Amino acid sequence: MHVKKGDTVIVIAGKDKGKKGRVLAAYPKKERVLVEGINLVKKHTRPSQTNPQGGIVTQEAPIHVSNVSLIDPKSGKPTRIGYKVLENGKKVRYAKKSGEVIDK
């Protein structure tokens, strides 16, 4: 999967198109990512020890990874991702637009 936890992404399709956010969690088996402030849903919760009030809680729901694009660290614009192997044998992701290495 081209997106990892902690990456800054922009939504390229769906109701939140154009919004930016940080990836909170990645689910590779389901091909979905949880992005901060994106795809907010209202969830009905019953009273519990942690939430004695209960009621309706707004939280993020996962969206498909094909609907997000990584932000280029150099230009701040959406970019595609490539993979290359460095001289030391480490495989890293890089932005195809600028050539900037994303993984440190």
PDB file of N, CA and C in Angstrom:
ATOM      1  N   MET A   1       0.847  -1.176   0.000  1.00  0.00           N
ATOM      2  CA  MET A   1       0.000   0.000   0.000  1.00  0.00           C
ATOM      3  C   MET A   1       0.895   1.242   0.000  1.00  0.00           C
ATOM      4  N   HIS A   2       0.544   2.238  -0.805  1.00  0.00           N
ATOM      5  CA  HIS A   2       1.413   3.403  -0.979  1.00  0.00           C
ATOM      6  C   HIS A   2       1.298   4.441   0.139  1.00  0.00           C
ATOM      7  N   VAL A   3       0.332   4.276   1.033  1.00  0.00           N
ATOM      8  CA  VAL A   3       0.136   5.232   2.123  1.00  0.00           C
ATOM      9  C   VAL A   3       0.399   4.536   3.451  1.00  0.00           C
ATOM     10  N   LYS A   4       1.089   5.237   4.354  1.00  0.00           N
ATOM     11  CA  LYS A   4       1.395   4.678   5.668  1.00  0.00           C
ATOM     12  C   LYS A   4       0.920   5.627   6.760  1.00  0.00           C
ATOM     13  N   LYS A   5       0.897   5.122   7.986  1.00  0.00           N
ATOM     14  CA  LYS A   5       0.490   5.919   9.138  1.00  0.00           C
ATOM     15  C   LYS A   5       1.417   7.127   9.283  1.00  0.00           C
ATOM     16  N   GLY A   6       0.831   8.311   9.496  1.00  0.00           N
ATOM     17  CA  GLY A   6       1.619   9.526   9.663  1.00  0.00           C
ATOM     18  C   GLY A   6       1.776  10.348   8.396  1.00  0.00           C
ATOM     19  N   ASP A   7       1.449   9.777   7.228  1.00  0.00           N
ATOM     20  CA  ASP A   7       1.548  10.513   5.964  1.00  0.00           C
ATOM     21  C   ASP A   7       0.474  11.595   5.888  1.00  0.00           C
ATOM     22  N   THR A   8       0.770  12.668   5.171  1.00  0.00           N
ATOM     23  CA  THR A   8      -0.228  13.699   4.892  1.00  0.00           C
ATOM     24  C   THR A   8      -0.790  13.430   3.504  1.00  0.00           C
ATOM     25  N   VAL A   9      -2.119  13.309   3.428  1.00  0.00           N
ATOM     26  CA  VAL A   9      -2.766  12.964   2.164  1.00  0.00           C
ATOM     27  C   VAL A   9      -3.854  13.974   1.832  1.00  0.00           C
ATOM     28  N   ILE A  10      -4.268  13.961   0.556  1.00  0.00           N
ATOM     29  CA  ILE A  10      -5.401  14.758   0.098  1.00  0.00           C
ATOM     30  C   ILE A  10      -6.415  13.795  -0.500  1.00  0.00           C
ATOM     31  N   VAL A  11      -7.697  14.064  -0.254  1.00  0.00           N
ATOM     32  CA  VAL A  11      -8.755  13.214  -0.793  1.00  0.00           C
ATOM     33  C   VAL A  11      -9.010  13.640  -2.230  1.00  0.00           C
ATOM     34  N   ILE A  12      -8.973  12.673  -3.171  1.00  0.00           N
ATOM     35  CA  ILE A  12      -9.123  12.997  -4.589  1.00  0.00           C
ATOM     36  C   ILE A  12     -10.485  12.582  -5.149  1.00  0.00           C
ATOM     37  N   ALA A  13     -11.291  11.879  -4.351  1.00  0.00           N
ATOM     38  CA  ALA A  13     -12.622  11.467  -4.806  1.00  0.00           C
ATOM     39  C   ALA A  13     -13.541  11.305  -3.605  1.00  0.00           C
ATOM     40  N   GLY A  14     -14.830  11.539  -3.826  1.00  0.00           N
ATOM     41  CA  GLY A  14     -15.818  11.347  -2.767  1.00  0.00           C
ATOM     42  C   GLY A  14     -16.314  12.658  -2.192  1.00  0.00           C
ATOM     43  N   LYS A  15     -17.091  12.561  -1.116  1.00  0.00           N
ATOM     44  CA  LYS A  15     -17.744  13.745  -0.549  1.00  0.00           C
ATOM     45  C   LYS A  15     -16.761  14.723   0.084  1.00  0.00           C
ATOM     46  N   ASP A  16     -15.584  14.262   0.483  1.00  0.00           N
ATOM     47  CA  ASP A  16     -14.574  15.125   1.105  1.00  0.00           C
ATOM     48  C   ASP A  16     -13.453  15.501   0.139  1.00  0.00           C
ATOM     49  N   LYS A  17     -13.726  15.472  -1.157  1.00  0.00           N
ATOM     50  CA  LYS A  17     -12.716  15.757  -2.176  1.00  0.00           C
ATOM     51  C   LYS A  17     -12.064  17.119  -1.940  1.00  0.00           C
ATOM     52  N   GLY A  18     -10.716  17.146  -1.986  1.00  0.00           N
ATOM     53  CA  GLY A  18      -9.969  18.384  -1.810  1.00  0.00           C
ATOM     54  C   GLY A  18      -9.483  18.619  -0.393  1.00  0.00           C
ATOM     55  N   LYS A  19      -9.994  17.876   0.576  1.00  0.00           N
ATOM     56  CA  LYS A  19      -9.575  18.057   1.967  1.00  0.00           C
ATOM     57  C   LYS A  19      -8.269  17.324   2.237  1.00  0.00           C
ATOM     58  N   LYS A  20      -7.464  17.921   3.133  1.00  0.00           N
ATOM     59  CA  LYS A  20      -6.188  17.315   3.514  1.00  0.00           C
ATOM     60  C   LYS A  20      -6.277  16.793   4.938  1.00  0.00           C
ATOM     61  N   GLY A  21      -5.481  15.772   5.223  1.00  0.00           N
ATOM     62  CA  GLY A  21      -5.454  15.219   6.570  1.00  0.00           C
ATOM     63  C   GLY A  21      -4.282  14.278   6.753  1.00  0.00           C
ATOM     64  N   ARG A  22      -4.068  13.892   8.021  1.00  0.00           N
ATOM     65  CA  ARG A  22      -2.979  12.983   8.367  1.00  0.00           C
ATOM     66  C   ARG A  22      -3.559  11.584   8.534  1.00  0.00           C
ATOM     67  N   VAL A  23      -2.838  10.574   8.052  1.00  0.00           N
ATOM     68  CA  VAL A  23      -3.294   9.191   8.167  1.00  0.00           C
ATOM     69  C   VAL A  23      -3.110   8.732   9.611  1.00  0.00           C
ATOM     70  N   LEU A  24      -4.215   8.342  10.254  1.00  0.00           N
ATOM     71  CA  LEU A  24      -4.179   7.869  11.635  1.00  0.00           C
ATOM     72  C   LEU A  24      -3.917   6.370  11.700  1.00  0.00           C
ATOM     73  N   ALA A  25      -4.438   5.629  10.720  1.00  0.00           N
ATOM     74  CA  ALA A  25      -4.251   4.176  10.688  1.00  0.00           C
ATOM     75  C   ALA A  25      -4.401   3.687   9.255  1.00  0.00           C
ATOM     76  N   ALA A  26      -3.685   2.616   8.928  1.00  0.00           N
ATOM     77  CA  ALA A  26      -3.780   1.993   7.611  1.00  0.00           C
ATOM     78  C   ALA A  26      -4.191   0.537   7.797  1.00  0.00           C
ATOM     79  N   TYR A  27      -5.117   0.087   6.973  1.00  0.00           N
ATOM     80  CA  TYR A  27      -5.602  -1.289   7.024  1.00  0.00           C
ATOM     81  C   TYR A  27      -5.312  -1.959   5.680  1.00  0.00           C
ATOM     82  N   PRO A  28      -4.104  -2.519   5.500  1.00  0.00           N
ATOM     83  CA  PRO A  28      -3.706  -3.072   4.201  1.00  0.00           C
ATOM     84  C   PRO A  28      -4.593  -4.215   3.700  1.00  0.00           C
ATOM     85  N   LYS A  29      -5.074  -5.075   4.584  1.00  0.00           N
ATOM     86  CA  LYS A  29      -5.906  -6.199   4.137  1.00  0.00           C
ATOM     87  C   LYS A  29      -7.222  -5.726   3.544  1.00  0.00           C
ATOM     88  N   LYS A  30      -7.765  -4.632   4.080  1.00  0.00           N
ATOM     89  CA  LYS A  30      -9.029  -4.080   3.580  1.00  0.00           C
ATOM     90  C   LYS A  30      -8.793  -2.978   2.552  1.00  0.00           C
ATOM     91  N   GLU A  31      -7.529  -2.586   2.345  1.00  0.00           N
ATOM     92  CA  GLU A  31      -7.144  -1.496   1.437  1.00  0.00           C
ATOM     93  C   GLU A  31      -7.846  -0.194   1.804  1.00  0.00           C
ATOM     94  N   ARG A  32      -7.859   0.123   3.095  1.00  0.00           N
ATOM     95  CA  ARG A  32      -8.500   1.338   3.579  1.00  0.00           C
ATOM     96  C   ARG A  32      -7.571   2.092   4.519  1.00  0.00           C
ATOM     97  N   VAL A  33      -7.800   3.404   4.627  1.00  0.00           N
ATOM     98  CA  VAL A  33      -7.027   4.241   5.545  1.00  0.00           C
ATOM     99  C   VAL A  33      -7.982   5.105   6.360  1.00  0.00           C
ATOM    100  N   LEU A  34      -7.565   5.423   7.580  1.00  0.00           N
ATOM    101  CA  LEU A  34      -8.321   6.297   8.465  1.00  0.00           C
ATOM    102  C   LEU A  34      -7.609   7.644   8.462  1.00  0.00           C
ATOM    103  N   VAL A  35      -8.287   8.686   7.966  1.00  0.00           N
ATOM    104  CA  VAL A  35      -7.675  10.003   7.822  1.00  0.00           C
ATOM    105  C   VAL A  35      -8.330  10.969   8.804  1.00  0.00           C
ATOM    106  N   GLU A  36      -7.491  11.772   9.465  1.00  0.00           N
ATOM    107  CA  GLU A  36      -7.939  12.722  10.482  1.00  0.00           C
ATOM    108  C   GLU A  36      -8.881  13.769   9.880  1.00  0.00           C
ATOM    109  N   GLY A  37     -10.108  13.863  10.412  1.00  0.00           N
ATOM    110  CA  GLY A  37     -11.066  14.877   9.979  1.00  0.00           C
ATOM    111  C   GLY A  37     -11.770  14.584   8.667  1.00  0.00           C
ATOM    112  N   ILE A  38     -11.589  13.387   8.111  1.00  0.00           N
ATOM    113  CA  ILE A  38     -12.182  13.031   6.818  1.00  0.00           C
ATOM    114  C   ILE A  38     -13.192  11.899   7.014  1.00  0.00           C
ATOM    115  N   ASN A  39     -14.287  11.927   6.240  1.00  0.00           N
ATOM    116  CA  ASN A  39     -15.327  10.892   6.263  1.00  0.00           C
ATOM    117  C   ASN A  39     -15.905  10.732   7.670  1.00  0.00           C
ATOM    118  N   LEU A  40     -16.355  11.841   8.229  1.00  0.00           N
ATOM    119  CA  LEU A  40     -16.925  11.819   9.576  1.00  0.00           C
ATOM    120  C   LEU A  40     -18.325  11.203   9.548  1.00  0.00           C
ATOM    121  N   VAL A  41     -18.567  10.286  10.482  1.00  0.00           N
ATOM    122  CA  VAL A  41     -19.873   9.645  10.602  1.00  0.00           C
ATOM    123  C   VAL A  41     -20.360   9.792  12.036  1.00  0.00           C
ATOM    124  N   LYS A  42     -21.676   9.774  12.199  1.00  0.00           N
ATOM    125  CA  LYS A  42     -22.263   9.842  13.540  1.00  0.00           C
ATOM    126  C   LYS A  42     -22.561   8.418  13.991  1.00  0.00           C
ATOM    127  N   LYS A  43     -22.022   8.061  15.155  1.00  0.00           N
ATOM    128  CA  LYS A  43     -22.200   6.716  15.684  1.00  0.00           C
ATOM    129  C   LYS A  43     -22.998   6.795  16.981  1.00  0.00           C
ATOM    130  N   HIS A  44     -24.029   5.980  17.073  1.00  0.00           N
ATOM    131  CA  HIS A  44     -24.854   5.935  18.278  1.00  0.00           C
ATOM    132  C   HIS A  44     -24.186   5.012  19.288  1.00  0.00           C
ATOM    133  N   THR A  45     -23.904   5.540  20.485  1.00  0.00           N
ATOM    134  CA  THR A  45     -23.256   4.734  21.517  1.00  0.00           C
ATOM    135  C   THR A  45     -24.150   4.666  22.749  1.00  0.00           C
ATOM    136  N   ARG A  46     -24.162   3.493  23.369  1.00  0.00           N
ATOM    137  CA  ARG A  46     -24.937   3.370  24.609  1.00  0.00           C
ATOM    138  C   ARG A  46     -24.044   3.720  25.785  1.00  0.00           C
ATOM    139  N   PRO A  47     -24.619   4.120  26.895  1.00  0.00           N
ATOM    140  CA  PRO A  47     -23.816   4.500  28.063  1.00  0.00           C
ATOM    141  C   PRO A  47     -22.888   3.372  28.527  1.00  0.00           C
ATOM    142  N   SER A  48     -21.654   3.747  28.879  1.00  0.00           N
ATOM    143  CA  SER A  48     -20.666   2.774  29.353  1.00  0.00           C
ATOM    144  C   SER A  48     -19.817   3.432  30.439  1.00  0.00           C
ATOM    145  N   GLN A  49     -18.813   2.706  30.925  1.00  0.00           N
ATOM    146  CA  GLN A  49     -17.923   3.245  31.949  1.00  0.00           C
ATOM    147  C   GLN A  49     -17.159   4.458  31.416  1.00  0.00           C
ATOM    148  N   THR A  50     -16.651   4.353  30.185  1.00  0.00           N
ATOM    149  CA  THR A  50     -15.855   5.444  29.614  1.00  0.00           C
ATOM    150  C   THR A  50     -16.727   6.612  29.170  1.00  0.00           C
ATOM    151  N   ASN A  51     -17.937   6.324  28.686  1.00  0.00           N
ATOM    152  CA  ASN A  51     -18.846   7.366  28.213  1.00  0.00           C
ATOM    153  C   ASN A  51     -20.198   7.206  28.922  1.00  0.00           C
ATOM    154  N   PRO A  52     -20.314   7.716  30.175  1.00  0.00           N
ATOM    155  CA  PRO A  52     -21.552   7.502  30.937  1.00  0.00           C
ATOM    156  C   PRO A  52     -22.776   8.186  30.325  1.00  0.00           C
ATOM    157  N   GLN A  53     -22.564   9.220  29.531  1.00  0.00           N
ATOM    158  CA  GLN A  53     -23.668   9.957  28.915  1.00  0.00           C
ATOM    159  C   GLN A  53     -24.290   9.165  27.763  1.00  0.00           C
ATOM    160  N   GLY A  54     -23.445   8.462  26.968  1.00  0.00           N
ATOM    161  CA  GLY A  54     -23.948   7.781  25.776  1.00  0.00           C
ATOM    162  C   GLY A  54     -24.286   8.806  24.708  1.00  0.00           C
ATOM    163  N   GLY A  55     -25.193   8.469  23.795  1.00  0.00           N
ATOM    164  CA  GLY A  55     -25.646   9.420  22.784  1.00  0.00           C
ATOM    165  C   GLY A  55     -24.963   9.231  21.446  1.00  0.00           C
ATOM    166  N   ILE A  56     -24.885  10.324  20.685  1.00  0.00           N
ATOM    167  CA  ILE A  56     -24.348  10.278  19.328  1.00  0.00           C
ATOM    168  C   ILE A  56     -22.943  10.877  19.317  1.00  0.00           C
ATOM    169  N   VAL A  57     -21.986  10.105  18.805  1.00  0.00           N
ATOM    170  CA  VAL A  57     -20.584  10.524  18.752  1.00  0.00           C
ATOM    171  C   VAL A  57     -20.162  10.639  17.290  1.00  0.00           C
ATOM    172  N   THR A  58     -19.459  11.717  16.941  1.00  0.00           N
ATOM    173  CA  THR A  58     -18.932  11.884  15.590  1.00  0.00           C
ATOM    174  C   THR A  58     -17.498  11.391  15.557  1.00  0.00           C
ATOM    175  N   GLN A  59     -17.205  10.500  14.593  1.00  0.00           N
ATOM    176  CA  GLN A  59     -15.846   9.972  14.474  1.00  0.00           C
ATOM    177  C   GLN A  59     -15.523   9.688  13.013  1.00  0.00           C
ATOM    178  N   GLU A  60     -14.223   9.492  12.727  1.00  0.00           N
ATOM    179  CA  GLU A  60     -13.782   9.208  11.371  1.00  0.00           C
ATOM    180  C   GLU A  60     -14.077   7.757  11.013  1.00  0.00           C
ATOM    181  N   ALA A  61     -14.384   7.527   9.735  1.00  0.00           N
ATOM    182  CA  ALA A  61     -14.552   6.175   9.214  1.00  0.00           C
ATOM    183  C   ALA A  61     -13.497   5.966   8.128  1.00  0.00           C
ATOM    184  N   PRO A  62     -13.034   4.733   7.939  1.00  0.00           N
ATOM    185  CA  PRO A  62     -12.010   4.480   6.917  1.00  0.00           C
ATOM    186  C   PRO A  62     -12.531   4.741   5.509  1.00  0.00           C
ATOM    187  N   ILE A  63     -11.633   5.199   4.627  1.00  0.00           N
ATOM    188  CA  ILE A  63     -11.967   5.366   3.210  1.00  0.00           C
ATOM    189  C   ILE A  63     -10.988   4.542   2.385  1.00  0.00           C
ATOM    190  N   HIS A  64     -11.377   4.223   1.156  1.00  0.00           N
ATOM    191  CA  HIS A  64     -10.538   3.384   0.308  1.00  0.00           C
ATOM    192  C   HIS A  64      -9.263   4.127  -0.067  1.00  0.00           C
ATOM    193  N   VAL A  65      -8.163   3.384  -0.123  1.00  0.00           N
ATOM    194  CA  VAL A  65      -6.850   3.981  -0.366  1.00  0.00           C
ATOM    195  C   VAL A  65      -6.754   4.599  -1.767  1.00  0.00           C
ATOM    196  N   SER A  66      -7.582   4.145  -2.712  1.00  0.00           N
ATOM    197  CA  SER A  66      -7.548   4.702  -4.067  1.00  0.00           C
ATOM    198  C   SER A  66      -8.138   6.105  -4.118  1.00  0.00           C
ATOM    199  N   ASN A  67      -8.844   6.509  -3.069  1.00  0.00           N
ATOM    200  CA  ASN A  67      -9.458   7.837  -3.030  1.00  0.00           C
ATOM    201  C   ASN A  67      -8.574   8.891  -2.382  1.00  0.00           C
ATOM    202  N   VAL A  68      -7.347   8.529  -2.001  1.00  0.00           N
ATOM    203  CA  VAL A  68      -6.412   9.493  -1.423  1.00  0.00           C
ATOM    204  C   VAL A  68      -5.114   9.502  -2.218  1.00  0.00           C
ATOM    205  N   SER A  69      -4.441  10.646  -2.189  1.00  0.00           N
ATOM    206  CA  SER A  69      -3.151  10.796  -2.846  1.00  0.00           C
ATOM    207  C   SER A  69      -2.192  11.465  -1.875  1.00  0.00           C
ATOM    208  N   LEU A  70      -0.964  11.002  -1.859  1.00  0.00           N
ATOM    209  CA  LEU A  70       0.038  11.537  -0.947  1.00  0.00           C
ATOM    210  C   LEU A  70       0.421  12.958  -1.349  1.00  0.00           C
ATOM    211  N   ILE A  71       0.709  13.805  -0.372  1.00  0.00           N
ATOM    212  CA  ILE A  71       1.149  15.177  -0.628  1.00  0.00           C
ATOM    213  C   ILE A  71       2.666  15.174  -0.794  1.00  0.00           C
ATOM    214  N   ASP A  72       3.145  15.793  -1.874  1.00  0.00           N
ATOM    215  CA  ASP A  72       4.587  15.904  -2.123  1.00  0.00           C
ATOM    216  C   ASP A  72       5.210  16.790  -1.044  1.00  0.00           C
ATOM    217  N   PRO A  73       6.223  16.304  -0.312  1.00  0.00           N
ATOM    218  CA  PRO A  73       6.819  17.110   0.756  1.00  0.00           C
ATOM    219  C   PRO A  73       7.528  18.368   0.247  1.00  0.00           C
ATOM    220  N   LYS A  74       7.941  18.369  -1.017  1.00  0.00           N
ATOM    221  CA  LYS A  74       8.659  19.517  -1.577  1.00  0.00           C
ATOM    222  C   LYS A  74       7.701  20.608  -2.060  1.00  0.00           C
ATOM    223  N   SER A  75       6.698  20.222  -2.873  1.00  0.00           N
ATOM    224  CA  SER A  75       5.809  21.208  -3.491  1.00  0.00           C
ATOM    225  C   SER A  75       4.484  21.389  -2.753  1.00  0.00           C
ATOM    226  N   GLY A  76       4.079  20.409  -1.957  1.00  0.00           N
ATOM    227  CA  GLY A  76       2.805  20.498  -1.258  1.00  0.00           C
ATOM    228  C   GLY A  76       1.615  20.138  -2.124  1.00  0.00           C
ATOM    229  N   LYS A  77       1.861  19.529  -3.288  1.00  0.00           N
ATOM    230  CA  LYS A  77       0.798  19.132  -4.202  1.00  0.00           C
ATOM    231  C   LYS A  77       0.674  17.610  -4.234  1.00  0.00           C
ATOM    232  N   PRO A  78      -0.479  17.087  -4.684  1.00  0.00           N
ATOM    233  CA  PRO A  78      -0.641  15.628  -4.763  1.00  0.00           C
ATOM    234  C   PRO A  78       0.350  15.019  -5.751  1.00  0.00           C
ATOM    235  N   THR A  79       0.838  13.836  -5.429  1.00  0.00           N
ATOM    236  CA  THR A  79       1.804  13.167  -6.292  1.00  0.00           C
ATOM    237  C   THR A  79       1.599  11.669  -6.249  1.00  0.00           C
ATOM    238  N   ARG A  80       2.089  11.001  -7.269  1.00  0.00           N
ATOM    239  CA  ARG A  80       2.097   9.544  -7.277  1.00  0.00           C
ATOM    240  C   ARG A  80       3.364   9.084  -6.577  1.00  0.00           C
ATOM    241  N   ILE A  81       3.389   7.814  -6.203  1.00  0.00           N
ATOM    242  CA  ILE A  81       4.490   7.269  -5.426  1.00  0.00           C
ATOM    243  C   ILE A  81       5.238   6.223  -6.240  1.00  0.00           C
ATOM    244  N   GLY A  82       6.565   6.263  -6.143  1.00  0.00           N
ATOM    245  CA  GLY A  82       7.403   5.229  -6.734  1.00  0.00           C
ATOM    246  C   GLY A  82       8.259   4.610  -5.649  1.00  0.00           C
ATOM    247  N   TYR A  83       8.848   3.477  -5.962  1.00  0.00           N
ATOM    248  CA  TYR A  83       9.734   2.792  -5.020  1.00  0.00           C
ATOM    249  C   TYR A  83      11.099   2.647  -5.656  1.00  0.00           C
ATOM    250  N   LYS A  84      12.149   2.841  -4.852  1.00  0.00           N
ATOM    251  CA  LYS A  84      13.503   2.598  -5.341  1.00  0.00           C
ATOM    252  C   LYS A  84      14.358   2.072  -4.202  1.00  0.00           C
ATOM    253  N   VAL A  85      15.434   1.375  -4.571  1.00  0.00           N
ATOM    254  CA  VAL A  85      16.345   0.802  -3.590  1.00  0.00           C
ATOM    255  C   VAL A  85      17.592   1.675  -3.544  1.00  0.00           C
ATOM    256  N   LEU A  86      17.942   2.139  -2.343  1.00  0.00           N
ATOM    257  CA  LEU A  86      19.128   2.978  -2.165  1.00  0.00           C
ATOM    258  C   LEU A  86      20.391   2.127  -2.192  1.00  0.00           C
ATOM    259  N   GLU A  87      21.554   2.801  -2.180  1.00  0.00           N
ATOM    260  CA  GLU A  87      22.839   2.099  -2.231  1.00  0.00           C
ATOM    261  C   GLU A  87      23.023   1.164  -1.035  1.00  0.00           C
ATOM    262  N   ASN A  88      22.467   1.568   0.121  1.00  0.00           N
ATOM    263  CA  ASN A  88      22.618   0.740   1.317  1.00  0.00           C
ATOM    264  C   ASN A  88      21.638  -0.435   1.344  1.00  0.00           C
ATOM    265  N   GLY A  89      20.832  -0.601   0.299  1.00  0.00           N
ATOM    266  CA  GLY A  89      19.917  -1.733   0.201  1.00  0.00           C
ATOM    267  C   GLY A  89      18.534  -1.474   0.768  1.00  0.00           C
ATOM    268  N   LYS A  90      18.283  -0.246   1.244  1.00  0.00           N
ATOM    269  CA  LYS A  90      16.985   0.075   1.839  1.00  0.00           C
ATOM    270  C   LYS A  90      15.992   0.488   0.749  1.00  0.00           C
ATOM    271  N   LYS A  91      14.787  -0.102   0.795  1.00  0.00           N
ATOM    272  CA  LYS A  91      13.736   0.237  -0.162  1.00  0.00           C
ATOM    273  C   LYS A  91      12.942   1.419   0.390  1.00  0.00           C
ATOM    274  N   VAL A  92      12.834   2.501  -0.400  1.00  0.00           N
ATOM    275  CA  VAL A  92      12.152   3.711   0.051  1.00  0.00           C
ATOM    276  C   VAL A  92      11.102   4.146  -0.967  1.00  0.00           C
ATOM    277  N   ARG A  93      10.143   4.943  -0.484  1.00  0.00           N
ATOM    278  CA  ARG A  93       9.146   5.559  -1.358  1.00  0.00           C
ATOM    279  C   ARG A  93       9.653   6.931  -1.774  1.00  0.00           C
ATOM    280  N   TYR A  94       9.329   7.343  -3.007  1.00  0.00           N
ATOM    281  CA  TYR A  94       9.699   8.691  -3.445  1.00  0.00           C
ATOM    282  C   TYR A  94       8.553   9.298  -4.249  1.00  0.00           C
ATOM    283  N   ALA A  95       8.498  10.636  -4.233  1.00  0.00           N
ATOM    284  CA  ALA A  95       7.469  11.365  -4.975  1.00  0.00           C
ATOM    285  C   ALA A  95       7.880  11.428  -6.438  1.00  0.00           C
ATOM    286  N   LYS A  96       6.996  10.997  -7.325  1.00  0.00           N
ATOM    287  CA  LYS A  96       7.341  10.960  -8.747  1.00  0.00           C
ATOM    288  C   LYS A  96       7.454  12.358  -9.353  1.00  0.00           C
ATOM    289  N   LYS A  97       6.725  13.353  -8.801  1.00  0.00           N
ATOM    290  CA  LYS A  97       6.783  14.704  -9.357  1.00  0.00           C
ATOM    291  C   LYS A  97       8.115  15.381  -9.082  1.00  0.00           C
ATOM    292  N   SER A  98       8.606  15.276  -7.833  1.00  0.00           N
ATOM    293  CA  SER A  98       9.822  16.001  -7.459  1.00  0.00           C
ATOM    294  C   SER A  98      11.033  15.096  -7.286  1.00  0.00           C
ATOM    295  N   GLY A  99      10.817  13.799  -7.149  1.00  0.00           N
ATOM    296  CA  GLY A  99      11.923  12.880  -6.888  1.00  0.00           C
ATOM    297  C   GLY A  99      12.345  12.848  -5.432  1.00  0.00           C
ATOM    298  N   GLU A 100      11.637  13.580  -4.577  1.00  0.00           N
ATOM    299  CA  GLU A 100      11.950  13.663  -3.150  1.00  0.00           C
ATOM    300  C   GLU A 100      11.662  12.335  -2.457  1.00  0.00           C
ATOM    301  N   VAL A 101      12.608  11.866  -1.634  1.00  0.00           N
ATOM    302  CA  VAL A 101      12.413  10.629  -0.877  1.00  0.00           C
ATOM    303  C   VAL A 101      11.468  10.913   0.288  1.00  0.00           C
ATOM    304  N   ILE A 102      10.441  10.069   0.443  1.00  0.00           N
ATOM    305  CA  ILE A 102       9.437  10.273   1.485  1.00  0.00           C
ATOM    306  C   ILE A 102       9.835   9.564   2.765  1.00  0.00           C
ATOM    307  N   ASP A 103      10.291   8.315   2.665  1.00  0.00           N
ATOM    308  CA  ASP A 103      10.726   7.564   3.848  1.00  0.00           C
ATOM    309  C   ASP A 103      12.099   8.038   4.279  1.00  0.00           C
ATOM    310  N   LYS A 104      12.295   8.145   5.580  1.00  0.00           N
ATOM    311  CA  LYS A 104      13.596   8.589   6.084  1.00  0.00           C
ATOM    312  C   LYS A 104      14.417   7.400   6.492  1.00  0.00           C
TER     313      LYS A 104
END
